[in-house]
């Protein structure tokens, strides 16, 4: 009997212990579990740089890329004769040196279906599709190009570099653009979520053939580093009536004025060279140069600012031998205001503004002979605009 009682008590205790362990069991926090795993991985990392090996497949990265260099040139504006009768008839011939461009670059961008295949690249190809958000293939694509250009007597050093990675669900891109002719320079990165639309059958306004195209939209964040566009160095020199105290500004810049006591005036630059002997020449020729040099110097003295923005975009691509359409667009409707002294919000009445870019490439062959095309891109960032376009018709005679 004693053994039976002990056996019953033992079974009861085991049952109670089992129930107790079930009741007090605690769920593990998934976040703490992931942090713990992350901590364990970090603690076991080998931080010895000498053992670090980068497994980079350079052959895959450079495959199908093109390295190019070219020198292009041609005549510029024709010579112009300028006449003066101030001290008798005088003739001066204004000559504009010839235009040229020296271009060096490397690119790996898949050729779109509508783009012709060139025998050689000279760097002057007008590839509108380079500005599109999404390329023809997934993976890495890049462009690195530097050019030195003289156009209508003005010299420019231009650069355009970008590296982008395209996937079905996201887009990563970094870009640097310096366009002297458009007076724009910035560095931009963006990270976007991409959503592909599988079917366009519900878009009744599209022709049936265009419903076969590939469409996607994207949303994410963009960061841009650039000079503080909108800053006006001449604002502090403006008078209450809106006029500019340009003579006093020139004197502060080192220019001097000499009066001969008989009503004559002569103006000298900071080096002591005579630059004008009348008020008309001073105001019409010298002052514009003074203002231009002053604003450029003041802009160059300022540090670059960073701008964080929301970015929304889309991309559509369809190609057939008879019809093709490629269109893309990007909109930045909201920008973070850091309250800085040179924030663009300050020059826009502390309000938001819209920065946007887009492009369109369209071609249609009506028959074997006649075809029409429209191509172009447009950009507007801050108070800068730059764009290119081309349109026309082709008729093949045979």
Protein backbone atom coordinates (compact mmCIF):
# COMPACT_ATOMS: atom_id res chain seq x y z
CA UNK A 1 0.00 0.00 0.00
CA UNK A 2 2.86 2.34 0.85
CA UNK A 3 4.46 1.68 -2.51
CA UNK A 4 1.16 2.40 -4.27
CA UNK A 5 0.76 5.74 -2.47
CA UNK A 6 4.32 6.75 -3.38
CA UNK A 7 3.69 5.85 -7.03
CA UNK A 8 0.50 7.97 -7.14
CA UNK A 9 2.26 10.97 -5.53
CA UNK A 10 5.13 10.67 -8.01
CA UNK A 11 2.77 10.65 -10.99
CA UNK A 12 0.86 13.63 -9.56
CA UNK A 13 4.08 15.59 -9.08
CA UNK A 14 5.22 14.90 -12.61
CA UNK A 15 1.83 15.94 -13.95
CA UNK A 16 1.90 19.16 -11.91
CA UNK A 17 5.46 19.93 -13.01
CA UNK A 18 4.53 19.40 -16.64
CA UNK A 19 1.52 21.71 -16.33
CA UNK A 20 3.62 24.32 -14.56
CA UNK A 21 6.28 24.38 -17.23
CA UNK A 22 3.63 24.80 -19.87
CA UNK A 23 2.01 27.71 -18.08
CA UNK A 24 5.16 29.70 -17.34
CA UNK A 25 6.71 29.22 -20.78
CA UNK A 26 7.51 32.65 -22.31
CA UNK A 27 7.49 33.52 -26.02
CA UNK A 28 10.80 34.77 -27.41
CA UNK A 29 10.62 38.32 -28.81
CA UNK A 30 11.35 38.01 -32.60
CA UNK A 31 13.13 41.37 -32.61
CA UNK A 32 15.40 40.39 -29.71
CA UNK A 33 16.05 37.09 -31.43
CA UNK A 34 17.17 38.83 -34.64
CA UNK A 35 19.32 41.31 -32.68
CA UNK A 36 20.92 38.44 -30.85
CA UNK A 37 21.70 36.68 -34.13
CA UNK A 38 23.12 39.93 -35.54
CA UNK A 39 25.26 40.38 -32.43
CA UNK A 40 26.60 36.84 -32.72
CA UNK A 41 27.54 37.41 -36.38
CA UNK A 42 29.32 40.69 -35.60
CA UNK A 43 31.19 39.15 -32.66
CA UNK A 44 32.57 36.40 -34.89
CA UNK A 45 33.64 38.69 -37.75
CA UNK A 46 37.27 38.73 -38.76
CA UNK A 47 38.22 42.40 -38.86
CA UNK A 48 41.74 41.79 -40.10
CA UNK A 49 41.87 43.85 -43.35
CA UNK A 50 44.87 41.88 -44.57
CA UNK A 51 42.64 38.82 -44.92
CA UNK A 52 39.92 40.71 -46.82
CA UNK A 53 39.36 39.45 -50.35
CA UNK A 54 37.09 41.16 -52.86
CA UNK A 55 35.64 38.62 -55.23
CA UNK A 56 34.92 41.00 -58.11
CA UNK A 57 34.18 39.60 -61.53
CA UNK A 58 35.68 42.40 -63.64
CA UNK A 59 35.09 40.45 -66.83
CA UNK A 60 31.36 40.40 -66.17
CA UNK A 61 31.32 44.09 -65.18
CA UNK A 62 33.16 45.26 -68.30
CA UNK A 63 31.58 42.85 -70.79
CA UNK A 64 29.88 44.71 -73.66
CA UNK A 65 31.19 48.07 -72.40
CA UNK A 66 32.75 50.56 -74.84
CA UNK A 67 35.71 52.86 -74.20
CA UNK A 68 35.74 55.78 -76.59
CA UNK A 69 37.65 58.96 -77.30
CA UNK A 70 37.13 61.48 -80.06
CA UNK A 71 38.01 64.99 -81.22
CA UNK A 72 35.29 66.85 -83.11
CA UNK A 73 35.46 70.34 -84.62
CA UNK A 74 34.00 72.83 -87.03
CA UNK A 75 33.75 76.51 -87.80
CA UNK A 76 31.87 78.78 -85.42
CA UNK A 77 30.29 82.19 -85.96
CA UNK A 78 31.57 84.09 -88.98
CA UNK A 79 33.70 87.21 -88.52
CA UNK A 80 31.76 90.39 -87.72
CA UNK A 81 32.85 93.93 -88.61
CA UNK A 82 32.13 96.54 -85.91
CA UNK A 83 32.24 100.23 -86.92
CA UNK A 84 32.90 103.27 -84.73
CA UNK A 85 32.86 107.03 -85.60
CA UNK A 86 33.89 108.40 -82.17
CA UNK A 87 37.38 109.37 -83.40
CA UNK A 88 36.78 109.17 -87.11
CA UNK A 89 35.75 106.04 -88.94
CA UNK A 90 37.25 102.96 -87.31
CA UNK A 91 36.60 99.33 -88.13
CA UNK A 92 37.20 96.38 -85.84
CA UNK A 93 36.74 92.76 -86.89
CA UNK A 94 35.45 90.43 -84.17
CA UNK A 95 36.63 86.89 -84.78
CA UNK A 96 35.19 83.80 -83.06
CA UNK A 97 37.55 80.80 -82.90
CA UNK A 98 36.37 77.48 -84.32
CA UNK A 99 34.25 75.13 -82.22
CA UNK A 100 35.68 71.86 -80.98
CA UNK A 101 35.09 69.09 -78.47
CA UNK A 102 37.45 66.56 -76.92
CA UNK A 103 35.50 63.66 -75.43
CA UNK A 104 36.65 60.68 -73.38
CA UNK A 105 34.32 58.10 -71.93
CA UNK A 106 33.33 54.55 -71.11
CA UNK A 107 29.78 53.25 -71.18
CA UNK A 108 27.84 50.06 -70.66
CA UNK A 109 24.20 50.73 -71.49
CA UNK A 110 22.09 48.18 -73.31
CA UNK A 111 20.94 49.50 -76.69
CA UNK A 112 17.18 49.99 -76.89
CA UNK A 113 15.35 48.40 -79.80
CA UNK A 114 14.81 51.71 -81.60
CA UNK A 115 18.45 52.82 -81.35
CA UNK A 116 20.71 52.29 -84.38
CA UNK A 117 23.96 50.41 -84.00
CA UNK A 118 26.90 52.71 -84.68
CA UNK A 119 30.13 51.53 -86.25
CA UNK A 120 32.02 53.90 -83.92
CA UNK A 121 31.12 56.22 -81.06
CA UNK A 122 32.34 59.83 -81.16
CA UNK A 123 30.66 60.99 -77.95
CA UNK A 124 28.25 63.30 -79.76
CA UNK A 125 25.46 60.76 -80.15
CA UNK A 126 22.19 62.20 -78.93
CA UNK A 127 21.12 59.23 -76.78
CA UNK A 128 17.95 60.51 -75.15
CA UNK A 129 17.38 57.09 -73.57
CA UNK A 130 20.46 57.53 -71.35
CA UNK A 131 18.30 59.77 -69.15
CA UNK A 132 15.57 57.16 -68.66
CA UNK A 133 14.98 55.73 -65.20
CA UNK A 134 14.90 52.09 -66.32
CA UNK A 135 17.12 50.51 -68.95
CA UNK A 136 16.49 47.57 -71.23
CA UNK A 137 18.12 44.94 -69.01
CA UNK A 138 18.42 44.24 -65.30
CA UNK A 139 21.69 44.64 -63.43
CA UNK A 140 24.46 47.24 -63.51
CA UNK A 141 24.76 49.89 -66.22
CA UNK A 142 27.09 52.86 -66.21
CA UNK A 143 28.36 55.90 -68.06
CA UNK A 144 31.50 57.92 -67.32
CA UNK A 145 32.17 60.77 -69.75
CA UNK A 146 34.32 63.91 -69.68
CA UNK A 147 34.37 66.52 -72.44
CA UNK A 148 36.16 69.78 -73.10
CA UNK A 149 34.14 71.98 -75.40
CA UNK A 150 34.47 75.35 -77.09
CA UNK A 151 31.18 76.64 -78.44
CA UNK A 152 30.76 80.08 -80.01
CA UNK A 153 33.97 81.25 -78.38
CA UNK A 154 33.05 80.05 -74.88
CA UNK A 155 34.97 77.24 -73.20
CA UNK A 156 33.24 74.58 -71.08
CA UNK A 157 34.35 71.52 -69.14
CA UNK A 158 31.46 69.06 -68.97
CA UNK A 159 31.05 65.81 -67.09
CA UNK A 160 28.32 63.19 -66.94
CA UNK A 161 28.71 60.05 -64.86
CA UNK A 162 26.14 57.62 -63.57
CA UNK A 163 25.93 54.13 -62.15
CA UNK A 164 22.58 52.40 -61.77
CA UNK A 165 21.33 49.00 -60.71
CA UNK A 166 17.92 47.89 -61.91
CA UNK A 167 15.92 45.03 -60.40
CA UNK A 168 12.30 43.93 -60.64
CA UNK A 169 11.50 45.49 -57.27
CA UNK A 170 14.01 48.32 -56.75
CA UNK A 171 16.22 50.87 -58.51
CA UNK A 172 19.50 52.30 -57.21
CA UNK A 173 21.26 55.14 -58.98
CA UNK A 174 24.08 57.60 -58.46
CA UNK A 175 24.69 60.44 -60.94
CA UNK A 176 27.00 63.43 -61.35
CA UNK A 177 26.25 66.08 -63.98
CA UNK A 178 28.22 69.20 -64.87
CA UNK A 179 26.87 71.06 -67.90
CA UNK A 180 28.64 74.36 -68.44
CA UNK A 181 26.36 75.46 -71.26
CA UNK A 182 23.24 75.01 -69.08
CA UNK A 183 25.07 76.26 -65.95
CA UNK A 184 24.07 73.27 -63.83
CA UNK A 185 26.19 71.03 -61.60
CA UNK A 186 25.03 68.50 -59.01
CA UNK A 187 25.52 65.02 -57.56
CA UNK A 188 22.42 62.90 -57.00
CA UNK A 189 21.66 59.51 -55.48
CA UNK A 190 18.27 57.81 -55.30
CA UNK A 191 16.81 54.64 -53.84
CA UNK A 192 13.41 53.59 -55.15
CA UNK A 193 10.89 50.82 -54.78
CA UNK A 194 9.72 49.63 -58.19
CA UNK A 195 6.32 48.12 -58.97
CA UNK A 196 5.78 46.50 -62.35
CA UNK A 197 2.33 46.47 -63.90
CA UNK A 198 1.81 43.05 -65.46
CA UNK A 199 -1.15 43.94 -67.67
CA UNK A 200 -2.32 47.15 -69.34
CA UNK A 201 -5.55 45.72 -70.73
CA UNK A 202 -7.64 47.89 -68.38
CA UNK A 203 -6.24 51.10 -69.94
CA UNK A 204 -8.89 51.67 -72.56
CA UNK A 205 -7.27 54.82 -73.98
CA UNK A 206 -4.20 52.90 -75.16
CA UNK A 207 -4.19 51.26 -78.61
CA UNK A 208 -4.19 47.48 -78.36
CA UNK A 209 -0.61 47.24 -79.59
CA UNK A 210 0.70 49.62 -76.92
CA UNK A 211 -0.98 47.53 -74.22
CA UNK A 212 1.81 45.02 -74.80
CA UNK A 213 4.38 47.48 -73.46
CA UNK A 214 6.21 47.26 -70.14
CA UNK A 215 5.08 49.77 -67.53
CA UNK A 216 6.29 50.37 -63.98
CA UNK A 217 6.15 53.13 -61.42
CA UNK A 218 8.54 53.84 -58.58
CA UNK A 219 8.75 55.81 -55.35
CA UNK A 220 11.60 56.52 -53.00
CA UNK A 221 14.07 59.10 -51.75
CA UNK A 222 16.64 61.26 -53.55
CA UNK A 223 19.62 63.16 -52.21
CA UNK A 224 21.26 65.98 -54.16
CA UNK A 225 24.45 67.88 -53.43
CA UNK A 226 24.87 71.18 -55.28
CA UNK A 227 25.69 74.82 -54.86
CA UNK A 228 22.91 76.87 -53.20
CA UNK A 229 20.88 77.66 -56.30
CA UNK A 230 18.58 80.62 -55.78
CA UNK A 231 21.21 82.61 -53.89
CA UNK A 232 21.54 86.12 -55.37
CA UNK A 233 24.89 87.77 -54.51
CA UNK A 234 23.62 91.14 -55.81
CA UNK A 235 20.71 91.30 -53.39
CA UNK A 236 22.77 93.13 -50.73
CA UNK A 237 23.67 95.83 -53.28
CA UNK A 238 20.12 96.63 -54.28
CA UNK A 239 18.67 99.98 -53.26
CA UNK A 240 15.20 100.49 -51.83
CA UNK A 241 13.89 101.54 -55.25
CA UNK A 242 15.09 98.28 -56.83
CA UNK A 243 18.10 99.78 -58.61
CA UNK A 244 21.61 98.48 -58.13
CA UNK A 245 24.43 100.49 -56.59
CA UNK A 246 26.83 99.10 -59.19
CA UNK A 247 29.46 101.87 -59.08
CA UNK A 248 29.99 101.48 -55.36
CA UNK A 249 30.23 97.69 -55.84
CA UNK A 250 32.88 98.21 -58.54
CA UNK A 251 34.86 100.51 -56.23
CA UNK A 252 34.73 97.84 -53.50
CA UNK A 253 36.07 95.36 -56.06
CA UNK A 254 39.13 97.57 -56.67
CA UNK A 255 38.07 99.73 -59.62
CA UNK A 256 38.86 103.45 -59.46
CA UNK A 257 37.47 106.62 -61.05
CA UNK A 258 39.53 109.69 -62.03
CA UNK A 259 37.99 113.10 -62.83
CA UNK A 260 40.06 115.49 -64.97
CA UNK A 261 38.30 118.62 -63.66
CA UNK A 262 36.83 119.50 -67.05
CA UNK A 263 33.90 117.13 -67.00
CA UNK A 264 35.87 114.14 -68.25
CA UNK A 265 35.95 110.82 -66.43
CA UNK A 266 38.27 107.84 -66.76
CA UNK A 267 37.80 104.42 -65.16
CA UNK A 268 40.55 101.96 -64.18
CA UNK A 269 40.46 98.25 -63.29
CA UNK A 270 42.12 96.84 -60.12
CA UNK A 271 45.42 96.47 -62.03
CA UNK A 272 45.44 100.18 -62.95
CA UNK A 273 44.56 99.69 -66.62
CA UNK A 274 42.19 102.17 -68.23
CA UNK A 275 38.95 100.40 -69.14
CA UNK A 276 36.60 103.29 -70.01
CA UNK A 277 36.79 106.97 -70.82
CA UNK A 278 33.06 107.69 -70.71
CA UNK A 279 30.06 106.83 -68.57
CA UNK A 280 28.40 105.10 -71.50
CA UNK A 281 31.26 102.62 -71.94
CA UNK A 282 31.55 102.19 -68.17
CA UNK A 283 27.89 101.27 -67.76
CA UNK A 284 27.48 99.39 -71.04
CA UNK A 285 30.69 97.38 -71.19
CA UNK A 286 32.62 97.35 -67.92
CA UNK A 287 29.84 97.09 -65.32
CA UNK A 288 28.29 93.92 -66.86
CA UNK A 289 31.71 92.26 -66.61
CA UNK A 290 32.10 93.45 -63.01
CA UNK A 291 28.70 92.04 -62.03
CA UNK A 292 29.35 88.74 -63.81
CA UNK A 293 32.75 88.25 -62.16
CA UNK A 294 31.40 89.24 -58.75
CA UNK A 295 28.40 86.87 -58.80
CA UNK A 296 30.53 83.97 -60.05
CA UNK A 297 33.13 84.53 -57.33
CA UNK A 298 30.51 84.79 -54.59
CA UNK A 299 28.78 81.61 -55.77
CA UNK A 300 32.09 79.73 -55.85
CA UNK A 301 32.90 80.83 -52.29
CA UNK A 302 29.84 79.06 -50.88
CA UNK A 303 29.89 75.43 -49.82
CA UNK A 304 27.62 72.89 -51.47
CA UNK A 305 24.33 72.06 -49.77
CA UNK A 306 22.51 68.73 -49.54
CA UNK A 307 18.83 68.40 -50.41
CA UNK A 308 16.67 65.43 -49.35
CA UNK A 309 13.57 64.90 -51.48
CA UNK A 310 10.72 62.52 -52.08
CA UNK A 311 10.78 61.17 -55.63
CA UNK A 312 8.02 59.54 -57.68
CA UNK A 313 8.44 58.23 -61.22
CA UNK A 314 7.27 55.96 -64.00
CA UNK A 315 8.72 54.24 -67.05
CA UNK A 316 7.04 52.77 -70.12
CA UNK A 317 8.70 50.89 -72.98
CA UNK A 318 7.31 49.26 -76.12
CA UNK A 319 9.12 48.41 -79.34
CA UNK A 320 8.17 46.83 -82.63
CA UNK A 321 9.61 47.36 -86.09
CA UNK A 322 6.63 49.52 -87.02
CA UNK A 323 5.92 51.37 -83.76
CA UNK A 324 7.90 52.23 -80.67
CA UNK A 325 7.26 54.34 -77.59
CA UNK A 326 9.56 54.97 -74.65
CA UNK A 327 8.52 57.45 -71.99
CA UNK A 328 9.63 58.22 -68.45
CA UNK A 329 9.08 60.88 -65.82
CA UNK A 330 10.27 61.87 -62.35
CA UNK A 331 8.70 64.28 -59.88
CA UNK A 332 10.07 65.61 -56.59
CA UNK A 333 7.01 67.18 -54.90
CA UNK A 334 8.43 67.47 -51.38
CA UNK A 335 11.83 68.57 -50.05
CA UNK A 336 13.12 68.51 -46.48
CA UNK A 337 13.70 71.99 -45.06
CA UNK A 338 16.70 71.98 -42.72
CA UNK A 339 16.32 75.69 -41.99
CA UNK A 340 19.79 76.46 -43.31
CA UNK A 341 20.87 79.92 -44.40
CA UNK A 342 21.14 78.86 -48.04
CA UNK A 343 18.24 76.42 -48.17
CA UNK A 344 16.28 76.81 -51.42
CA UNK A 345 13.11 77.08 -49.32
CA UNK A 346 14.38 80.51 -48.25
CA UNK A 347 14.47 81.71 -51.87
CA UNK A 348 11.02 80.24 -52.52
CA UNK A 349 9.14 82.08 -49.73
CA UNK A 350 9.71 79.07 -47.44
CA UNK A 351 7.35 76.99 -49.58
CA UNK A 352 7.70 73.67 -51.36
CA UNK A 353 8.36 73.52 -55.09
CA UNK A 354 8.33 70.94 -57.87
CA UNK A 355 11.49 69.57 -59.47
CA UNK A 356 10.89 67.25 -62.38
CA UNK A 357 12.37 65.57 -65.43
CA UNK A 358 11.05 63.43 -68.23
CA UNK A 359 11.53 62.14 -71.71
CA UNK A 360 9.65 60.84 -74.73
CA UNK A 361 10.85 58.80 -77.70
CA UNK A 362 8.23 57.95 -80.30
CA UNK A 363 8.50 56.52 -83.79
CA UNK A 364 5.87 55.28 -86.21
CA UNK A 365 6.24 53.92 -89.74
CA UNK A 366 3.01 54.60 -91.58
CA UNK A 367 4.08 52.35 -94.47
CA UNK A 368 7.27 51.18 -96.19
CA UNK A 369 8.07 54.73 -97.30
CA UNK A 370 6.81 57.22 -94.71
CA UNK A 371 7.66 57.50 -91.03
CA UNK A 372 7.49 60.14 -88.27
CA UNK A 373 9.41 60.53 -85.03
CA UNK A 374 9.49 62.68 -81.89
CA UNK A 375 12.31 62.59 -79.34
CA UNK A 376 13.13 64.82 -76.42
CA UNK A 377 13.92 65.23 -72.75
CA UNK A 378 13.33 68.04 -70.28
CA UNK A 379 14.75 68.79 -66.83
CA UNK A 380 13.93 71.44 -64.25
CA UNK A 381 15.86 71.48 -60.96
CA UNK A 382 15.68 74.49 -58.65
CA UNK A 383 15.82 77.52 -60.95
CA UNK A 384 17.68 75.71 -63.76
CA UNK A 385 16.21 74.25 -66.94
CA UNK A 386 17.93 72.22 -69.66
CA UNK A 387 16.37 70.27 -72.50
CA UNK A 388 16.86 68.74 -75.95
CA UNK A 389 14.36 67.72 -78.59
CA UNK A 390 14.11 66.45 -82.15
CA UNK A 391 11.17 65.67 -84.42
CA UNK A 392 10.54 65.19 -88.10
CA UNK A 393 9.53 62.88 -90.92
CA UNK A 394 11.39 60.44 -93.15
CA UNK A 395 10.37 59.33 -96.62
CA UNK A 396 12.29 56.54 -98.30
CA UNK A 397 12.23 56.49 -102.09
CA UNK A 398 12.66 53.15 -103.85
